[in-house]
Amino acid sequence: MNGWMHEVWVVAQREFSDLNDVASITQLVIRLCVALVLGSVLGFERELAGRDAGLRTHMLVSTGSALFVLVPLQAGFAQDDMSRVLQGLVSGIGFLGAGAIIKLSAEREVRGLTTAASLWFAAGVGVAAGLGREATAILSTAIALLILGGLRALKRSVGPHDT
């Protein structure tokens, strides 16, 4: 290999060296996959409920949130810097959630608040998974499913019935 090709090869190796051992790769795969699976569970519930933000949206929010905390962790960010990353992430998810909320002026009704909240929650689950708190992410998702599905079923069972 001549001089410039060798230099290109060295630079390319350095650029892709963020995952340089099996432990790093395994950790990254586990954390991203946990975020992906838990986001898909939340999104599937929203799709079953017939909501616009469903499976793909929740998967992207959860996995993207995990990525936003994984990269700074890999880069060795200090806790103060990670706090700023989380602040930006929460603001961005708030903007996304606002897009899920619709005000129907003719009926004077606001819709999409629960979907916006579930997107916000999916981001939190992704952050937990990305920070290596997989058990917390799983337990939180179970609680969210109880809130979303369980309370909807309870509401139907005790709600007004036609006679």
C-alpha atoms as a PDB file:
ATOM      1  CA  MET A   1       0.000   0.000   0.000  1.00  0.00           C
ATOM      2  CA  ASN A   2       1.410   3.367  -0.915  1.00  0.00           C
ATOM      3  CA  GLY A   3       1.661   6.261   1.552  1.00  0.00           C
ATOM      4  CA  TRP A   4      -1.646   8.053   0.970  1.00  0.00           C
ATOM      5  CA  MET A   5      -3.696   4.815   0.851  1.00  0.00           C
ATOM      6  CA  HIS A   6      -2.163   3.733   4.149  1.00  0.00           C
ATOM      7  CA  GLU A   7      -3.028   7.114   5.668  1.00  0.00           C
ATOM      8  CA  VAL A   8      -6.635   6.828   4.419  1.00  0.00           C
ATOM      9  CA  TRP A   9      -6.845   3.331   5.909  1.00  0.00           C
ATOM     10  CA  VAL A  10      -5.517   4.526   9.300  1.00  0.00           C
ATOM     11  CA  VAL A  11      -7.983   7.426   9.399  1.00  0.00           C
ATOM     12  CA  ALA A  12     -10.882   5.130   8.411  1.00  0.00           C
ATOM     13  CA  GLN A  13      -9.950   2.684  11.190  1.00  0.00           C
ATOM     14  CA  ARG A  14      -9.847   5.513  13.708  1.00  0.00           C
ATOM     15  CA  GLU A  15     -13.250   6.809  12.566  1.00  0.00           C
ATOM     16  CA  PHE A  16     -14.882   3.424  13.152  1.00  0.00           C
ATOM     17  CA  SER A  17     -13.088   2.646  16.401  1.00  0.00           C
ATOM     18  CA  ASP A  18     -15.908   3.644  18.741  1.00  0.00           C
ATOM     19  CA  LEU A  19     -16.886  -0.040  18.968  1.00  0.00           C
ATOM     20  CA  ASN A  20     -13.517  -1.653  19.324  1.00  0.00           C
ATOM     21  CA  ASP A  21     -14.280  -4.694  21.470  1.00  0.00           C
ATOM     22  CA  VAL A  22     -16.970  -7.329  21.930  1.00  0.00           C
ATOM     23  CA  ALA A  23     -18.092  -5.887  25.275  1.00  0.00           C
ATOM     24  CA  SER A  24     -18.768  -2.433  23.758  1.00  0.00           C
ATOM     25  CA  ILE A  25     -20.650  -3.903  20.822  1.00  0.00           C
ATOM     26  CA  THR A  26     -22.721  -6.185  23.077  1.00  0.00           C
ATOM     27  CA  GLN A  27     -23.601  -3.340  25.418  1.00  0.00           C
ATOM     28  CA  LEU A  28     -24.669  -1.099  22.539  1.00  0.00           C
ATOM     29  CA  VAL A  29     -26.758  -3.825  20.893  1.00  0.00           C
ATOM     30  CA  ILE A  30     -28.503  -4.758  24.155  1.00  0.00           C
ATOM     31  CA  ARG A  31     -29.354  -1.184  25.075  1.00  0.00           C
ATOM     32  CA  LEU A  32     -30.611  -0.225  21.615  1.00  0.00           C
ATOM     33  CA  CYS A  33     -32.589  -3.460  21.249  1.00  0.00           C
ATOM     34  CA  VAL A  34     -34.231  -3.054  24.661  1.00  0.00           C
ATOM     35  CA  ALA A  35     -35.253   0.488  23.692  1.00  0.00           C
ATOM     36  CA  LEU A  36     -36.503  -0.747  20.313  1.00  0.00           C
ATOM     37  CA  VAL A  37     -38.547  -3.614  21.745  1.00  0.00           C
ATOM     38  CA  LEU A  38     -40.085  -1.552  24.545  1.00  0.00           C
ATOM     39  CA  GLY A  39     -40.900   1.290  22.145  1.00  0.00           C
ATOM     40  CA  SER A  40     -42.562  -1.228  19.850  1.00  0.00           C
ATOM     41  CA  VAL A  41     -44.662  -2.580  22.732  1.00  0.00           C
ATOM     42  CA  LEU A  42     -45.900   0.931  23.538  1.00  0.00           C
ATOM     43  CA  GLY A  43     -46.466   1.703  19.866  1.00  0.00           C
ATOM     44  CA  PHE A  44     -48.340  -1.542  19.295  1.00  0.00           C
ATOM     45  CA  GLU A  45     -50.712  -0.658  22.123  1.00  0.00           C
ATOM     46  CA  ARG A  46     -51.314   2.752  20.548  1.00  0.00           C
ATOM     47  CA  GLU A  47     -51.980   1.132  17.156  1.00  0.00           C
ATOM     48  CA  LEU A  48     -54.451  -1.281  18.736  1.00  0.00           C
ATOM     49  CA  ALA A  49     -56.201   1.776  20.172  1.00  0.00           C
ATOM     50  CA  GLY A  50     -56.365   3.240  16.653  1.00  0.00           C
ATOM     51  CA  ARG A  51     -54.047   6.189  17.311  1.00  0.00           C
ATOM     52  CA  ASP A  52     -51.986   7.946  14.646  1.00  0.00           C
ATOM     53  CA  ALA A  53     -48.639   7.720  16.453  1.00  0.00           C
ATOM     54  CA  GLY A  54     -48.191   3.980  16.583  1.00  0.00           C
ATOM     55  CA  LEU A  55     -45.592   1.293  16.251  1.00  0.00           C
ATOM     56  CA  ARG A  56     -42.986   2.981  14.052  1.00  0.00           C
ATOM     57  CA  THR A  57     -43.202   6.351  15.781  1.00  0.00           C
ATOM     58  CA  HIS A  58     -42.798   4.923  19.272  1.00  0.00           C
ATOM     59  CA  MET A  59     -39.963   2.658  18.128  1.00  0.00           C
ATOM     60  CA  LEU A  60     -38.110   5.619  16.633  1.00  0.00           C
ATOM     61  CA  VAL A  61     -38.672   7.833  19.674  1.00  0.00           C
ATOM     62  CA  SER A  62     -37.514   5.176  22.124  1.00  0.00           C
ATOM     63  CA  THR A  63     -34.520   3.995  20.110  1.00  0.00           C
ATOM     64  CA  GLY A  64     -33.531   7.545  19.160  1.00  0.00           C
ATOM     65  CA  SER A  65     -33.653   8.598  22.800  1.00  0.00           C
ATOM     66  CA  ALA A  66     -31.410   5.680  23.744  1.00  0.00           C
ATOM     67  CA  LEU A  67     -28.990   6.719  21.013  1.00  0.00           C
ATOM     68  CA  PHE A  68     -28.956  10.311  22.251  1.00  0.00           C
ATOM     69  CA  VAL A  69     -27.689   9.149  25.646  1.00  0.00           C
ATOM     70  CA  LEU A  70     -25.483   6.291  24.426  1.00  0.00           C
ATOM     71  CA  VAL A  71     -23.284   8.450  22.220  1.00  0.00           C
ATOM     72  CA  PRO A  72     -22.411  10.978  24.959  1.00  0.00           C
ATOM     73  CA  LEU A  73     -21.738   8.078  27.345  1.00  0.00           C
ATOM     74  CA  GLN A  74     -19.353   6.543  24.821  1.00  0.00           C
ATOM     75  CA  ALA A  75     -17.685   9.919  24.344  1.00  0.00           C
ATOM     76  CA  GLY A  76     -17.140  10.241  28.100  1.00  0.00           C
ATOM     77  CA  PHE A  77     -19.363  13.267  28.694  1.00  0.00           C
ATOM     78  CA  ALA A  78     -19.456  14.631  32.235  1.00  0.00           C
ATOM     79  CA  GLN A  79     -22.714  14.495  34.201  1.00  0.00           C
ATOM     80  CA  ASP A  80     -23.377  18.218  33.602  1.00  0.00           C
ATOM     81  CA  ASP A  81     -23.001  17.711  29.864  1.00  0.00           C
ATOM     82  CA  MET A  82     -25.345  14.698  29.965  1.00  0.00           C
ATOM     83  CA  SER A  83     -27.879  16.851  31.793  1.00  0.00           C
ATOM     84  CA  ARG A  84     -27.864  19.293  28.886  1.00  0.00           C
ATOM     85  CA  VAL A  85     -28.296  16.443  26.408  1.00  0.00           C
ATOM     86  CA  LEU A  86     -31.354  15.250  28.343  1.00  0.00           C
ATOM     87  CA  GLN A  87     -32.781  18.783  28.504  1.00  0.00           C
ATOM     88  CA  GLY A  88     -32.520  19.093  24.738  1.00  0.00           C
ATOM     89  CA  LEU A  89     -34.023  15.667  24.234  1.00  0.00           C
ATOM     90  CA  VAL A  90     -37.008  16.432  26.460  1.00  0.00           C
ATOM     91  CA  SER A  91     -37.598  19.729  24.638  1.00  0.00           C
ATOM     92  CA  GLY A  92     -37.497  17.983  21.275  1.00  0.00           C
ATOM     93  CA  ILE A  93     -39.920  15.298  22.396  1.00  0.00           C
ATOM     94  CA  GLY A  94     -42.224  18.025  23.699  1.00  0.00           C
ATOM     95  CA  PHE A  95     -42.267  19.536  20.233  1.00  0.00           C
ATOM     96  CA  LEU A  96     -43.067  16.138  18.728  1.00  0.00           C
ATOM     97  CA  GLY A  97     -45.823  15.584  21.281  1.00  0.00           C
ATOM     98  CA  ALA A  98     -47.322  18.974  20.512  1.00  0.00           C
ATOM     99  CA  GLY A  99     -47.674  17.826  16.914  1.00  0.00           C
ATOM    100  CA  ALA A 100     -49.716  14.845  18.096  1.00  0.00           C
ATOM    101  CA  ILE A 101     -52.230  17.080  19.875  1.00  0.00           C
ATOM    102  CA  ILE A 102     -55.111  18.275  17.749  1.00  0.00           C
ATOM    103  CA  LYS A 103     -57.710  20.850  18.716  1.00  0.00           C
ATOM    104  CA  LEU A 104     -60.977  20.240  16.959  1.00  0.00           C
ATOM    105  CA  SER A 105     -62.488  23.718  16.952  1.00  0.00           C
ATOM    106  CA  ALA A 106     -65.925  22.675  15.716  1.00  0.00           C
ATOM    107  CA  GLU A 107     -66.369  20.271  18.627  1.00  0.00           C
ATOM    108  CA  ARG A 108     -64.245  22.350  21.034  1.00  0.00           C
ATOM    109  CA  GLU A 109     -62.340  19.194  21.852  1.00  0.00           C
ATOM    110  CA  VAL A 110     -58.645  18.495  22.314  1.00  0.00           C
ATOM    111  CA  ARG A 111     -57.407  15.099  21.145  1.00  0.00           C
ATOM    112  CA  GLY A 112     -54.079  13.349  21.217  1.00  0.00           C
ATOM    113  CA  LEU A 113     -52.974  14.170  24.757  1.00  0.00           C
ATOM    114  CA  THR A 114     -52.539  10.514  25.692  1.00  0.00           C
ATOM    115  CA  THR A 115     -50.622   9.822  22.484  1.00  0.00           C
ATOM    116  CA  ALA A 116     -48.382  12.821  23.162  1.00  0.00           C
ATOM    117  CA  ALA A 117     -47.832  11.535  26.702  1.00  0.00           C
ATOM    118  CA  SER A 118     -47.030   8.053  25.392  1.00  0.00           C
ATOM    119  CA  LEU A 119     -44.402   9.534  23.031  1.00  0.00           C
ATOM    120  CA  TRP A 120     -42.901  11.430  25.943  1.00  0.00           C
ATOM    121  CA  PHE A 121     -42.955   8.231  27.991  1.00  0.00           C
ATOM    122  CA  ALA A 122     -41.344   6.242  25.150  1.00  0.00           C
ATOM    123  CA  ALA A 123     -38.509   8.768  25.174  1.00  0.00           C
ATOM    124  CA  GLY A 124     -38.074   8.187  28.906  1.00  0.00           C
ATOM    125  CA  VAL A 125     -37.987   4.434  28.373  1.00  0.00           C
ATOM    126  CA  GLY A 126     -35.355   4.904  25.680  1.00  0.00           C
ATOM    127  CA  VAL A 127     -33.256   7.092  27.981  1.00  0.00           C
ATOM    128  CA  ALA A 128     -33.455   4.467  30.738  1.00  0.00           C
ATOM    129  CA  ALA A 129     -32.396   1.718  28.323  1.00  0.00           C
ATOM    130  CA  GLY A 130     -29.634   3.868  26.859  1.00  0.00           C
ATOM    131  CA  LEU A 131     -28.239   4.586  30.307  1.00  0.00           C
ATOM    132  CA  GLY A 132     -28.112   0.876  31.100  1.00  0.00           C
ATOM    133  CA  ARG A 133     -31.198   0.845  33.295  1.00  0.00           C
ATOM    134  CA  GLU A 134     -32.936  -1.912  31.353  1.00  0.00           C
ATOM    135  CA  ALA A 135     -34.909  -3.287  34.324  1.00  0.00           C
ATOM    136  CA  THR A 136     -36.244   0.204  35.056  1.00  0.00           C
ATOM    137  CA  ALA A 137     -37.206   0.596  31.395  1.00  0.00           C
ATOM    138  CA  ILE A 138     -39.041  -2.746  31.394  1.00  0.00           C
ATOM    139  CA  LEU A 139     -40.902  -2.060  34.648  1.00  0.00           C
ATOM    140  CA  SER A 140     -41.846   1.429  33.438  1.00  0.00           C
ATOM    141  CA  THR A 141     -43.200   0.012  30.183  1.00  0.00           C
ATOM    142  CA  ALA A 142     -45.318  -2.499  32.110  1.00  0.00           C
ATOM    143  CA  ILE A 143     -46.744   0.362  34.181  1.00  0.00           C
ATOM    144  CA  ALA A 144     -47.487   2.365  31.021  1.00  0.00           C
ATOM    145  CA  LEU A 145     -49.310  -0.612  29.507  1.00  0.00           C
ATOM    146  CA  LEU A 146     -51.412  -0.885  32.662  1.00  0.00           C
ATOM    147  CA  ILE A 147     -52.266   2.789  32.380  1.00  0.00           C
ATOM    148  CA  LEU A 148     -52.991   2.748  28.651  1.00  0.00           C
ATOM    149  CA  GLY A 149     -54.725  -0.599  28.218  1.00  0.00           C
ATOM    150  CA  GLY A 150     -55.916  -1.504  31.685  1.00  0.00           C
ATOM    151  CA  LEU A 151     -57.580   1.777  32.464  1.00  0.00           C
ATOM    152  CA  ARG A 152     -59.211   1.875  29.017  1.00  0.00           C
ATOM    153  CA  ALA A 153     -60.745  -1.554  29.691  1.00  0.00           C
ATOM    154  CA  LEU A 154     -61.847  -0.445  33.153  1.00  0.00           C
ATOM    155  CA  LYS A 155     -63.399   2.711  31.717  1.00  0.00           C
ATOM    156  CA  ARG A 156     -65.371   0.639  29.195  1.00  0.00           C
ATOM    157  CA  SER A 157     -66.595  -1.752  31.862  1.00  0.00           C
ATOM    158  CA  VAL A 158     -67.851   0.941  34.263  1.00  0.00           C
ATOM    159  CA  GLY A 159     -68.836   3.525  31.671  1.00  0.00           C
ATOM    160  CA  PRO A 160     -72.391   4.369  30.673  1.00  0.00           C
ATOM    161  CA  HIS A 161     -74.263   1.529  29.013  1.00  0.00           C
ATOM    162  CA  ASP A 162     -77.203   1.804  26.638  1.00  0.00           C
ATOM    163  CA  THR A 163     -80.320   0.123  27.956  1.00  0.00           C
END
